[in-house]
């Protein structure tokens, strides 16, 4: 269904008014993580999974669990360890000696919000079991195939400062995540507020459900209608292509990029920009929306060379150069 610009503006404004009370409710528990909460909402609104990188103790798990509770979504946390098996994630068949038949025992992947904590702690076979479920939205146990819950969102965390006993995700698997969000320490004022709220032995972490799964589906349909001008689409394509062939765009990045962003980046850039515009109450995408979401969508899709590492340049620095160089429509 298509709407006139005025109708779409009214619909987006009304729908965004349903999301803001949700974020305020979650912020009663979570301090200083509004950018993360916005990215979590973007993931829910665009059906995209998120990789979260941050040191321990930044309330990553609490933020995800609290948001799931405020949206009446079933939440499961999976602690990834070196001895984890694929069956521990997707489930397995259990033999009943009385009946002589096998029954299916479903794993924690059968939830609506799944937190894969320290995903790089498990070997490739376990990572692949999770990432296949993310891509196909279904799992196969024995000879039976089961669709996963709807909505279905995987949030994976990894620790950036500890590398012993880890199995880094291959680039092809990392590419399946819509965004990679980096978390940093809170400010002094935020940490004081955290102390006020969490200093008790049993802090109050309860939140009121504000939305439900059906609301998410309705909001997704509205986000799909957010207008993207053809010039914005061209800008998105040029941003992604500039990470593959920077010389074509006058960028002096020779020898710094080993591999550029995949076509998934192009798709997710548009989806993310539309969702960001929606969260700000607009029915159209601006170049600033694209620039704001681009680092989260591109940073894990650009593989830098050893020369770049020698110059202390990471993928964030490459993305920043591309964004500052390409003309904005």
C-alpha atoms as a PDB file:
ATOM      1  CA  UNK A   1       0.000   0.000   0.000  1.00  0.00           C
ATOM      2  CA  UNK A   2       1.311   3.432  -0.957  1.00  0.00           C
ATOM      3  CA  UNK A   3       0.469   6.715   0.752  1.00  0.00           C
ATOM      4  CA  UNK A   4       0.626  10.354  -0.207  1.00  0.00           C
ATOM      5  CA  UNK A   5       3.493  12.302   1.421  1.00  0.00           C
ATOM      6  CA  UNK A   6       1.141  13.985   3.901  1.00  0.00           C
ATOM      7  CA  UNK A   7      -0.543  10.693   4.838  1.00  0.00           C
ATOM      8  CA  UNK A   8       2.795   8.980   5.282  1.00  0.00           C
ATOM      9  CA  UNK A   9       4.043  11.823   7.478  1.00  0.00           C
ATOM     10  CA  UNK A  10       1.017  11.458   9.774  1.00  0.00           C
ATOM     11  CA  UNK A  11       1.358   7.665   9.915  1.00  0.00           C
ATOM     12  CA  UNK A  12       5.087   7.815  10.722  1.00  0.00           C
ATOM     13  CA  UNK A  13       4.585  10.474  13.388  1.00  0.00           C
ATOM     14  CA  UNK A  14       1.862   8.436  15.083  1.00  0.00           C
ATOM     15  CA  UNK A  15       3.881   5.212  14.899  1.00  0.00           C
ATOM     16  CA  UNK A  16       7.040   6.834  16.204  1.00  0.00           C
ATOM     17  CA  UNK A  17       4.963   8.075  19.123  1.00  0.00           C
ATOM     18  CA  UNK A  18       4.419   4.434  20.086  1.00  0.00           C
ATOM     19  CA  UNK A  19       8.164   3.695  20.128  1.00  0.00           C
ATOM     20  CA  UNK A  20       9.375   6.614  22.242  1.00  0.00           C
ATOM     21  CA  UNK A  21       7.467   5.545  25.409  1.00  0.00           C
ATOM     22  CA  UNK A  22       9.054   2.106  24.997  1.00  0.00           C
ATOM     23  CA  UNK A  23      12.571   3.558  24.927  1.00  0.00           C
ATOM     24  CA  UNK A  24      11.770   5.772  27.930  1.00  0.00           C
ATOM     25  CA  UNK A  25      10.574   2.731  29.864  1.00  0.00           C
ATOM     26  CA  UNK A  26      13.758   0.820  29.063  1.00  0.00           C
ATOM     27  CA  UNK A  27      15.852   3.881  30.017  1.00  0.00           C
ATOM     28  CA  UNK A  28      14.402   3.645  33.534  1.00  0.00           C
ATOM     29  CA  UNK A  29      16.692   0.649  33.982  1.00  0.00           C
ATOM     30  CA  UNK A  30      19.434   1.190  31.389  1.00  0.00           C
ATOM     31  CA  UNK A  31      21.683   4.236  31.777  1.00  0.00           C
ATOM     32  CA  UNK A  32      23.685   5.863  28.995  1.00  0.00           C
ATOM     33  CA  UNK A  33      23.134   3.279  26.266  1.00  0.00           C
ATOM     34  CA  UNK A  34      20.622   5.159  24.112  1.00  0.00           C
ATOM     35  CA  UNK A  35      22.709   4.665  20.915  1.00  0.00           C
ATOM     36  CA  UNK A  36      22.685   0.909  21.577  1.00  0.00           C
ATOM     37  CA  UNK A  37      18.946   0.913  22.282  1.00  0.00           C
ATOM     38  CA  UNK A  38      18.350   2.787  19.019  1.00  0.00           C
ATOM     39  CA  UNK A  39      20.428   0.195  17.148  1.00  0.00           C
ATOM     40  CA  UNK A  40      18.525  -2.639  18.814  1.00  0.00           C
ATOM     41  CA  UNK A  41      15.269  -1.044  17.668  1.00  0.00           C
ATOM     42  CA  UNK A  42      16.674  -0.628  14.154  1.00  0.00           C
ATOM     43  CA  UNK A  43      17.535  -4.327  14.166  1.00  0.00           C
ATOM     44  CA  UNK A  44      14.000  -5.238  15.234  1.00  0.00           C
ATOM     45  CA  UNK A  45      12.419  -2.885  12.699  1.00  0.00           C
ATOM     46  CA  UNK A  46      14.547  -4.138   9.792  1.00  0.00           C
ATOM     47  CA  UNK A  47      14.886  -7.840  10.677  1.00  0.00           C
ATOM     48  CA  UNK A  48      18.656  -7.509  11.063  1.00  0.00           C
ATOM     49  CA  UNK A  49      20.976  -9.185  13.576  1.00  0.00           C
ATOM     50  CA  UNK A  50      23.536  -7.230  15.579  1.00  0.00           C
ATOM     51  CA  UNK A  51      27.078  -7.904  16.773  1.00  0.00           C
ATOM     52  CA  UNK A  52      27.960  -5.968  19.930  1.00  0.00           C
ATOM     53  CA  UNK A  53      31.581  -5.368  20.886  1.00  0.00           C
ATOM     54  CA  UNK A  54      32.443  -4.037  24.321  1.00  0.00           C
ATOM     55  CA  UNK A  55      34.383  -4.787  27.467  1.00  0.00           C
ATOM     56  CA  UNK A  56      32.640  -6.730  30.262  1.00  0.00           C
ATOM     57  CA  UNK A  57      30.329  -4.882  32.632  1.00  0.00           C
ATOM     58  CA  UNK A  58      28.696  -2.443  30.204  1.00  0.00           C
ATOM     59  CA  UNK A  59      25.179  -3.909  30.714  1.00  0.00           C
ATOM     60  CA  UNK A  60      24.945  -5.503  27.280  1.00  0.00           C
ATOM     61  CA  UNK A  61      22.953  -8.479  28.550  1.00  0.00           C
ATOM     62  CA  UNK A  62      20.772  -6.315  30.784  1.00  0.00           C
ATOM     63  CA  UNK A  63      19.961  -3.956  27.905  1.00  0.00           C
ATOM     64  CA  UNK A  64      18.889  -6.783  25.609  1.00  0.00           C
ATOM     65  CA  UNK A  65      16.863  -8.574  28.309  1.00  0.00           C
ATOM     66  CA  UNK A  66      15.159  -5.339  29.376  1.00  0.00           C
ATOM     67  CA  UNK A  67      14.192  -4.393  25.826  1.00  0.00           C
ATOM     68  CA  UNK A  68      12.815  -7.896  25.218  1.00  0.00           C
ATOM     69  CA  UNK A  69      10.754  -7.662  28.400  1.00  0.00           C
ATOM     70  CA  UNK A  70       9.357  -4.268  27.434  1.00  0.00           C
ATOM     71  CA  UNK A  71       8.202  -5.755  24.113  1.00  0.00           C
ATOM     72  CA  UNK A  72       6.788  -9.048  25.442  1.00  0.00           C
ATOM     73  CA  UNK A  73       9.392 -11.001  23.461  1.00  0.00           C
ATOM     74  CA  UNK A  74      10.721 -14.379  24.575  1.00  0.00           C
ATOM     75  CA  UNK A  75      14.382 -13.990  25.567  1.00  0.00           C
ATOM     76  CA  UNK A  76      17.137 -16.616  25.713  1.00  0.00           C
ATOM     77  CA  UNK A  77      20.801 -16.183  26.577  1.00  0.00           C
ATOM     78  CA  UNK A  78      23.394 -18.660  25.309  1.00  0.00           C
ATOM     79  CA  UNK A  79      26.838 -18.570  26.913  1.00  0.00           C
ATOM     80  CA  UNK A  80      29.307 -19.638  24.241  1.00  0.00           C
ATOM     81  CA  UNK A  81      32.142 -21.810  25.536  1.00  0.00           C
ATOM     82  CA  UNK A  82      34.792 -23.988  23.830  1.00  0.00           C
ATOM     83  CA  UNK A  83      32.906 -27.201  24.720  1.00  0.00           C
ATOM     84  CA  UNK A  84      29.532 -26.025  23.368  1.00  0.00           C
ATOM     85  CA  UNK A  85      27.948 -28.260  20.720  1.00  0.00           C
ATOM     86  CA  UNK A  86      25.590 -27.320  17.855  1.00  0.00           C
ATOM     87  CA  UNK A  87      22.875 -29.425  19.531  1.00  0.00           C
ATOM     88  CA  UNK A  88      23.167 -27.187  22.609  1.00  0.00           C
ATOM     89  CA  UNK A  89      21.907 -24.324  20.430  1.00  0.00           C
ATOM     90  CA  UNK A  90      19.405 -25.754  17.969  1.00  0.00           C
ATOM     91  CA  UNK A  91      18.268 -28.838  19.890  1.00  0.00           C
ATOM     92  CA  UNK A  92      18.491 -32.572  19.354  1.00  0.00           C
ATOM     93  CA  UNK A  93      16.541 -35.822  19.115  1.00  0.00           C
ATOM     94  CA  UNK A  94      15.911 -37.734  22.334  1.00  0.00           C
ATOM     95  CA  UNK A  95      15.203 -41.478  22.302  1.00  0.00           C
ATOM     96  CA  UNK A  96      12.293 -42.720  24.413  1.00  0.00           C
ATOM     97  CA  UNK A  97      12.999 -46.362  25.379  1.00  0.00           C
ATOM     98  CA  UNK A  98       9.369 -46.949  26.347  1.00  0.00           C
ATOM     99  CA  UNK A  99       7.940 -46.079  22.951  1.00  0.00           C
ATOM    100  CA  UNK A 100      11.041 -46.857  20.914  1.00  0.00           C
ATOM    101  CA  UNK A 101      10.698 -43.472  19.172  1.00  0.00           C
ATOM    102  CA  UNK A 102      12.694 -40.280  18.954  1.00  0.00           C
ATOM    103  CA  UNK A 103      11.254 -36.963  20.062  1.00  0.00           C
ATOM    104  CA  UNK A 104      12.641 -33.507  19.362  1.00  0.00           C
ATOM    105  CA  UNK A 105      13.970 -31.384  22.191  1.00  0.00           C
ATOM    106  CA  UNK A 106      14.202 -27.813  21.002  1.00  0.00           C
ATOM    107  CA  UNK A 107      17.191 -25.674  21.905  1.00  0.00           C
ATOM    108  CA  UNK A 108      17.386 -22.045  23.092  1.00  0.00           C
ATOM    109  CA  UNK A 109      17.469 -20.809  19.486  1.00  0.00           C
ATOM    110  CA  UNK A 110      13.671 -21.162  19.542  1.00  0.00           C
ATOM    111  CA  UNK A 111      13.155 -17.739  21.088  1.00  0.00           C
ATOM    112  CA  UNK A 112      12.368 -14.316  19.677  1.00  0.00           C
ATOM    113  CA  UNK A 113      15.434 -12.523  21.061  1.00  0.00           C
ATOM    114  CA  UNK A 114      18.585 -14.642  21.409  1.00  0.00           C
ATOM    115  CA  UNK A 115      21.703 -13.285  23.083  1.00  0.00           C
ATOM    116  CA  UNK A 116      24.816 -15.170  21.941  1.00  0.00           C
ATOM    117  CA  UNK A 117      27.208 -14.128  24.683  1.00  0.00           C
ATOM    118  CA  UNK A 118      30.897 -14.172  23.685  1.00  0.00           C
ATOM    119  CA  UNK A 119      30.175 -15.839  20.359  1.00  0.00           C
ATOM    120  CA  UNK A 120      33.880 -16.061  19.555  1.00  0.00           C
ATOM    121  CA  UNK A 121      34.433 -18.445  22.480  1.00  0.00           C
ATOM    122  CA  UNK A 122      33.147 -21.429  20.486  1.00  0.00           C
ATOM    123  CA  UNK A 123      34.660 -23.179  17.442  1.00  0.00           C
ATOM    124  CA  UNK A 124      33.475 -22.692  13.877  1.00  0.00           C
ATOM    125  CA  UNK A 125      30.984 -25.584  13.851  1.00  0.00           C
ATOM    126  CA  UNK A 126      28.978 -24.048  16.705  1.00  0.00           C
ATOM    127  CA  UNK A 127      29.172 -20.556  15.235  1.00  0.00           C
ATOM    128  CA  UNK A 128      27.946 -21.935  11.911  1.00  0.00           C
ATOM    129  CA  UNK A 129      24.937 -23.597  13.578  1.00  0.00           C
ATOM    130  CA  UNK A 130      23.828 -20.235  14.950  1.00  0.00           C
ATOM    131  CA  UNK A 131      24.618 -18.235  11.840  1.00  0.00           C
ATOM    132  CA  UNK A 132      22.771 -20.694   9.588  1.00  0.00           C
ATOM    133  CA  UNK A 133      19.686 -20.247  11.738  1.00  0.00           C
ATOM    134  CA  UNK A 134      20.115 -16.469  11.454  1.00  0.00           C
ATOM    135  CA  UNK A 135      20.230 -16.625   7.673  1.00  0.00           C
ATOM    136  CA  UNK A 136      17.560 -19.230   6.949  1.00  0.00           C
ATOM    137  CA  UNK A 137      15.235 -18.426   9.875  1.00  0.00           C
ATOM    138  CA  UNK A 138      14.804 -22.168  10.351  1.00  0.00           C
ATOM    139  CA  UNK A 139      16.689 -25.158  11.766  1.00  0.00           C
ATOM    140  CA  UNK A 140      16.746 -28.839  10.891  1.00  0.00           C
ATOM    141  CA  UNK A 141      16.804 -31.461  13.646  1.00  0.00           C
ATOM    142  CA  UNK A 142      17.022 -34.979  12.274  1.00  0.00           C
ATOM    143  CA  UNK A 143      14.690 -35.105   9.298  1.00  0.00           C
ATOM    144  CA  UNK A 144      12.405 -32.316  10.508  1.00  0.00           C
ATOM    145  CA  UNK A 145      12.695 -28.643   9.666  1.00  0.00           C
ATOM    146  CA  UNK A 146      11.323 -26.097  12.112  1.00  0.00           C
ATOM    147  CA  UNK A 147      10.663 -22.395  11.409  1.00  0.00           C
ATOM    148  CA  UNK A 148      11.990 -20.038  14.048  1.00  0.00           C
ATOM    149  CA  UNK A 149       9.966 -17.593  16.081  1.00  0.00           C
ATOM    150  CA  UNK A 150       8.738 -14.325  14.637  1.00  0.00           C
ATOM    151  CA  UNK A 151      10.186 -11.792  15.096  1.00  0.00           C
ATOM    152  CA  UNK A 152      13.621 -13.384  15.452  1.00  0.00           C
ATOM    153  CA  UNK A 153      16.653 -11.320  16.440  1.00  0.00           C
ATOM    154  CA  UNK A 154      20.143 -12.539  17.320  1.00  0.00           C
ATOM    155  CA  UNK A 155      22.410 -10.269  19.322  1.00  0.00           C
ATOM    156  CA  UNK A 156      25.962 -11.557  19.636  1.00  0.00           C
ATOM    157  CA  UNK A 157      28.608 -10.100  21.923  1.00  0.00           C
ATOM    158  CA  UNK A 158      32.371 -10.338  21.868  1.00  0.00           C
ATOM    159  CA  UNK A 159      35.128  -8.974  24.076  1.00  0.00           C
ATOM    160  CA  UNK A 160      37.623  -6.758  22.188  1.00  0.00           C
ATOM    161  CA  UNK A 161      40.446  -6.976  24.746  1.00  0.00           C
ATOM    162  CA  UNK A 162      40.716 -10.714  25.383  1.00  0.00           C
ATOM    163  CA  UNK A 163      41.872 -13.016  22.595  1.00  0.00           C
ATOM    164  CA  UNK A 164      43.137 -16.133  24.382  1.00  0.00           C
ATOM    165  CA  UNK A 165      40.874 -19.119  23.846  1.00  0.00           C
ATOM    166  CA  UNK A 166      38.787 -17.392  21.176  1.00  0.00           C
ATOM    167  CA  UNK A 167      37.824 -18.380  17.638  1.00  0.00           C
ATOM    168  CA  UNK A 168      37.378 -15.189  15.588  1.00  0.00           C
ATOM    169  CA  UNK A 169      34.379 -15.243  13.275  1.00  0.00           C
ATOM    170  CA  UNK A 170      35.280 -15.614   9.584  1.00  0.00           C
ATOM    171  CA  UNK A 171      34.489 -12.608   7.426  1.00  0.00           C
ATOM    172  CA  UNK A 172      31.739 -14.459   5.549  1.00  0.00           C
ATOM    173  CA  UNK A 173      29.961 -15.168   8.831  1.00  0.00           C
ATOM    174  CA  UNK A 174      30.434 -11.693  10.281  1.00  0.00           C
ATOM    175  CA  UNK A 175      28.859 -10.308   7.104  1.00  0.00           C
ATOM    176  CA  UNK A 176      25.524 -11.849   8.107  1.00  0.00           C
ATOM    177  CA  UNK A 177      25.204  -9.361  10.939  1.00  0.00           C
ATOM    178  CA  UNK A 178      23.462  -6.195   9.867  1.00  0.00           C
ATOM    179  CA  UNK A 179      25.466  -4.022  12.278  1.00  0.00           C
ATOM    180  CA  UNK A 180      28.497  -4.171  14.500  1.00  0.00           C
ATOM    181  CA  UNK A 181      28.013  -1.782  17.412  1.00  0.00           C
ATOM    182  CA  UNK A 182      30.931  -0.705  19.577  1.00  0.00           C
ATOM    183  CA  UNK A 183      30.250   0.211  23.204  1.00  0.00           C
ATOM    184  CA  UNK A 184      32.379   2.495  25.339  1.00  0.00           C
ATOM    185  CA  UNK A 185      32.596   3.304  29.031  1.00  0.00           C
ATOM    186  CA  UNK A 186      29.876   5.600  30.435  1.00  0.00           C
ATOM    187  CA  UNK A 187      30.543   9.218  31.289  1.00  0.00           C
ATOM    188  CA  UNK A 188      31.116  10.286  34.906  1.00  0.00           C
ATOM    189  CA  UNK A 189      27.542  11.537  35.328  1.00  0.00           C
ATOM    190  CA  UNK A 190      26.158   8.359  33.790  1.00  0.00           C
ATOM    191  CA  UNK A 191      28.269   6.224  36.120  1.00  0.00           C
ATOM    192  CA  UNK A 192      26.950   8.160  39.127  1.00  0.00           C
ATOM    193  CA  UNK A 193      23.408   7.467  37.946  1.00  0.00           C
ATOM    194  CA  UNK A 194      24.274   3.796  37.464  1.00  0.00           C
ATOM    195  CA  UNK A 195      25.536   3.730  41.046  1.00  0.00           C
ATOM    196  CA  UNK A 196      22.277   5.253  42.308  1.00  0.00           C
ATOM    197  CA  UNK A 197      20.179   2.659  40.462  1.00  0.00           C
ATOM    198  CA  UNK A 198      22.336  -0.437  40.792  1.00  0.00           C
ATOM    199  CA  UNK A 199      24.053   0.118  44.145  1.00  0.00           C
ATOM    200  CA  UNK A 200      21.368  -1.850  45.962  1.00  0.00           C
ATOM    201  CA  UNK A 201      21.808  -5.581  46.462  1.00  0.00           C
ATOM    202  CA  UNK A 202      18.511  -6.151  44.685  1.00  0.00           C
ATOM    203  CA  UNK A 203      17.923  -3.259  42.276  1.00  0.00           C
ATOM    204  CA  UNK A 204      14.529  -2.794  40.680  1.00  0.00           C
ATOM    205  CA  UNK A 205      14.920  -4.046  37.091  1.00  0.00           C
ATOM    206  CA  UNK A 206      11.238  -4.506  36.273  1.00  0.00           C
ATOM    207  CA  UNK A 207       9.766  -2.801  33.205  1.00  0.00           C
ATOM    208  CA  UNK A 208       6.216  -2.556  31.921  1.00  0.00           C
ATOM    209  CA  UNK A 209       5.461  -4.164  28.547  1.00  0.00           C
ATOM    210  CA  UNK A 210       4.808  -1.338  26.097  1.00  0.00           C
ATOM    211  CA  UNK A 211       4.647  -3.146  22.727  1.00  0.00           C
ATOM    212  CA  UNK A 212       4.241  -6.692  21.444  1.00  0.00           C
ATOM    213  CA  UNK A 213       5.216  -8.876  18.467  1.00  0.00           C
ATOM    214  CA  UNK A 214       2.205  -7.724  16.447  1.00  0.00           C
ATOM    215  CA  UNK A 215       3.231  -4.100  16.994  1.00  0.00           C
ATOM    216  CA  UNK A 216       6.681  -4.874  15.599  1.00  0.00           C
ATOM    217  CA  UNK A 217       5.167  -6.317  12.434  1.00  0.00           C
ATOM    218  CA  UNK A 218       2.990  -3.214  11.996  1.00  0.00           C
ATOM    219  CA  UNK A 219       5.965  -0.912  12.555  1.00  0.00           C
ATOM    220  CA  UNK A 220       8.033  -2.848  10.015  1.00  0.00           C
ATOM    221  CA  UNK A 221       5.386  -2.266   7.378  1.00  0.00           C
ATOM    222  CA  UNK A 222       5.492   1.464   8.101  1.00  0.00           C
ATOM    223  CA  UNK A 223       9.303   1.569   7.968  1.00  0.00           C
ATOM    224  CA  UNK A 224       9.114  -0.104   4.556  1.00  0.00           C
ATOM    225  CA  UNK A 225       7.084   2.888   3.334  1.00  0.00           C
ATOM    226  CA  UNK A 226       9.661   5.515   4.388  1.00  0.00           C
ATOM    227  CA  UNK A 227      10.650   7.370   1.237  1.00  0.00           C
ATOM    228  CA  UNK A 228      14.168   7.089  -0.192  1.00  0.00           C
ATOM    229  CA  UNK A 229      15.026   9.410  -3.068  1.00  0.00           C
ATOM    230  CA  UNK A 230      16.907   8.007  -6.056  1.00  0.00           C
ATOM    231  CA  UNK A 231      19.850  10.314  -5.281  1.00  0.00           C
ATOM    232  CA  UNK A 232      20.050   8.829  -1.779  1.00  0.00           C
ATOM    233  CA  UNK A 233      20.108   5.332  -3.267  1.00  0.00           C
ATOM    234  CA  UNK A 234      22.932   6.398  -5.590  1.00  0.00           C
ATOM    235  CA  UNK A 235      24.813   7.818  -2.605  1.00  0.00           C
ATOM    236  CA  UNK A 236      24.414   4.502  -0.734  1.00  0.00           C
ATOM    237  CA  UNK A 237      25.715   2.509  -3.695  1.00  0.00           C
ATOM    238  CA  UNK A 238      28.670   4.867  -4.149  1.00  0.00           C
ATOM    239  CA  UNK A 239      29.598   4.600  -0.452  1.00  0.00           C
ATOM    240  CA  UNK A 240      29.748   0.817  -0.657  1.00  0.00           C
ATOM    241  CA  UNK A 241      31.530   0.724  -4.013  1.00  0.00           C
ATOM    242  CA  UNK A 242      34.100   3.216  -2.748  1.00  0.00           C
ATOM    243  CA  UNK A 243      35.230   0.628  -0.203  1.00  0.00           C
ATOM    244  CA  UNK A 244      35.897  -1.823  -3.062  1.00  0.00           C
ATOM    245  CA  UNK A 245      37.409   0.455  -5.709  1.00  0.00           C
ATOM    246  CA  UNK A 246      38.451   3.628  -3.844  1.00  0.00           C
ATOM    247  CA  UNK A 247      40.579   4.907  -6.743  1.00  0.00           C
ATOM    248  CA  UNK A 248      37.435   5.196  -8.897  1.00  0.00           C
ATOM    249  CA  UNK A 249      36.187   7.813  -6.434  1.00  0.00           C
ATOM    250  CA  UNK A 250      39.449   9.718  -6.051  1.00  0.00           C
ATOM    251  CA  UNK A 251      40.278   8.171  -2.676  1.00  0.00           C
ATOM    252  CA  UNK A 252      43.928   7.605  -1.843  1.00  0.00           C
ATOM    253  CA  UNK A 253      43.494   4.273  -0.041  1.00  0.00           C
ATOM    254  CA  UNK A 254      45.793   2.164  -2.190  1.00  0.00           C
ATOM    255  CA  UNK A 255      47.169  -0.781  -0.257  1.00  0.00           C
ATOM    256  CA  UNK A 256      44.964  -0.149   2.789  1.00  0.00           C
ATOM    257  CA  UNK A 257      41.823  -2.172   1.927  1.00  0.00           C
ATOM    258  CA  UNK A 258      42.067  -5.899   1.367  1.00  0.00           C
ATOM    259  CA  UNK A 259      38.337  -6.466   0.823  1.00  0.00           C
ATOM    260  CA  UNK A 260      35.499  -3.968   0.618  1.00  0.00           C
ATOM    261  CA  UNK A 261      31.886  -4.194   1.746  1.00  0.00           C
ATOM    262  CA  UNK A 262      29.534  -6.777   0.246  1.00  0.00           C
ATOM    263  CA  UNK A 263      26.177  -6.136  -1.462  1.00  0.00           C
ATOM    264  CA  UNK A 264      24.537  -6.911   1.884  1.00  0.00           C
ATOM    265  CA  UNK A 265      25.966  -3.593   3.062  1.00  0.00           C
ATOM    266  CA  UNK A 266      24.064  -1.772   0.320  1.00  0.00           C
ATOM    267  CA  UNK A 267      20.777  -3.378   1.341  1.00  0.00           C
ATOM    268  CA  UNK A 268      21.316  -2.851   5.055  1.00  0.00           C
ATOM    269  CA  UNK A 269      22.424   0.761   4.574  1.00  0.00           C
ATOM    270  CA  UNK A 270      19.100   1.595   2.999  1.00  0.00           C
ATOM    271  CA  UNK A 271      17.097  -0.360   5.560  1.00  0.00           C
ATOM    272  CA  UNK A 272      19.033   1.130   8.462  1.00  0.00           C
ATOM    273  CA  UNK A 273      18.670   4.674   7.133  1.00  0.00           C
ATOM    274  CA  UNK A 274      14.917   4.193   6.748  1.00  0.00           C
ATOM    275  CA  UNK A 275      14.589   2.874  10.296  1.00  0.00           C
ATOM    276  CA  UNK A 276      16.712   5.718  11.676  1.00  0.00           C
ATOM    277  CA  UNK A 277      14.570   8.277   9.871  1.00  0.00           C
ATOM    278  CA  UNK A 278      11.487   6.591  11.324  1.00  0.00           C
ATOM    279  CA  UNK A 279      12.887   6.721  14.880  1.00  0.00           C
ATOM    280  CA  UNK A 280      13.396  10.450  14.410  1.00  0.00           C
ATOM    281  CA  UNK A 281       9.792  10.860  13.257  1.00  0.00           C
ATOM    282  CA  UNK A 282      10.475  11.498   9.575  1.00  0.00           C
ATOM    283  CA  UNK A 283       8.850   9.833   6.586  1.00  0.00           C
ATOM    284  CA  UNK A 284      11.879  10.340   4.331  1.00  0.00           C
ATOM    285  CA  UNK A 285      15.584   9.534   4.434  1.00  0.00           C
ATOM    286  CA  UNK A 286      18.255  12.232   4.425  1.00  0.00           C
ATOM    287  CA  UNK A 287      21.974  11.839   3.600  1.00  0.00           C
ATOM    288  CA  UNK A 288      22.682  12.397   7.298  1.00  0.00           C
ATOM    289  CA  UNK A 289      20.690   9.256   8.137  1.00  0.00           C
ATOM    290  CA  UNK A 290      22.949   7.270   5.817  1.00  0.00           C
ATOM    291  CA  UNK A 291      26.111   8.821   7.268  1.00  0.00           C
ATOM    292  CA  UNK A 292      24.930   8.209  10.846  1.00  0.00           C
ATOM    293  CA  UNK A 293      24.265   4.496  10.350  1.00  0.00           C
ATOM    294  CA  UNK A 294      27.112   3.788   7.899  1.00  0.00           C
ATOM    295  CA  UNK A 295      29.912   3.122  10.468  1.00  0.00           C
ATOM    296  CA  UNK A 296      27.854   0.440  12.245  1.00  0.00           C
ATOM    297  CA  UNK A 297      26.985  -1.274   8.965  1.00  0.00           C
ATOM    298  CA  UNK A 298      30.364  -1.005   7.230  1.00  0.00           C
ATOM    299  CA  UNK A 299      33.010  -1.433   9.950  1.00  0.00           C
ATOM    300  CA  UNK A 300      32.831  -5.249  10.070  1.00  0.00           C
ATOM    301  CA  UNK A 301      32.607  -5.610   6.293  1.00  0.00           C
ATOM    302  CA  UNK A 302      35.895  -3.908   5.455  1.00  0.00           C
ATOM    303  CA  UNK A 303      39.058  -5.959   5.843  1.00  0.00           C
ATOM    304  CA  UNK A 304      42.157  -3.769   6.100  1.00  0.00           C
ATOM    305  CA  UNK A 305      45.646  -4.808   5.029  1.00  0.00           C
ATOM    306  CA  UNK A 306      48.761  -5.210   7.157  1.00  0.00           C
ATOM    307  CA  UNK A 307      49.941  -1.876   5.763  1.00  0.00           C
ATOM    308  CA  UNK A 308      46.869  -0.178   7.234  1.00  0.00           C
ATOM    309  CA  UNK A 309      47.453  -1.860  10.591  1.00  0.00           C
ATOM    310  CA  UNK A 310      51.062  -0.696  10.515  1.00  0.00           C
ATOM    311  CA  UNK A 311      49.778   2.848  10.083  1.00  0.00           C
ATOM    312  CA  UNK A 312      47.310   2.247  12.957  1.00  0.00           C
ATOM    313  CA  UNK A 313      44.342   2.554  10.617  1.00  0.00           C
ATOM    314  CA  UNK A 314      41.320   0.353  11.277  1.00  0.00           C
ATOM    315  CA  UNK A 315      38.073  -0.070   9.333  1.00  0.00           C
ATOM    316  CA  UNK A 316      36.459   2.817  11.253  1.00  0.00           C
ATOM    317  CA  UNK A 317      39.166   5.158   9.978  1.00  0.00           C
ATOM    318  CA  UNK A 318      38.611   3.906   6.413  1.00  0.00           C
ATOM    319  CA  UNK A 319      34.850   4.459   6.686  1.00  0.00           C
ATOM    320  CA  UNK A 320      35.440   7.959   8.069  1.00  0.00           C
ATOM    321  CA  UNK A 321      37.650   8.821   5.072  1.00  0.00           C
ATOM    322  CA  UNK A 322      35.083   7.527   2.624  1.00  0.00           C
ATOM    323  CA  UNK A 323      32.242   9.449   4.292  1.00  0.00           C
ATOM    324  CA  UNK A 324      34.209  12.686   4.393  1.00  0.00           C
ATOM    325  CA  UNK A 325      35.367  12.407   0.779  1.00  0.00           C
ATOM    326  CA  UNK A 326      32.224  11.442  -1.143  1.00  0.00           C
ATOM    327  CA  UNK A 327      29.971  14.389  -2.004  1.00  0.00           C
ATOM    328  CA  UNK A 328      26.607  14.429  -0.264  1.00  0.00           C
ATOM    329  CA  UNK A 329      23.574  14.695  -2.586  1.00  0.00           C
END
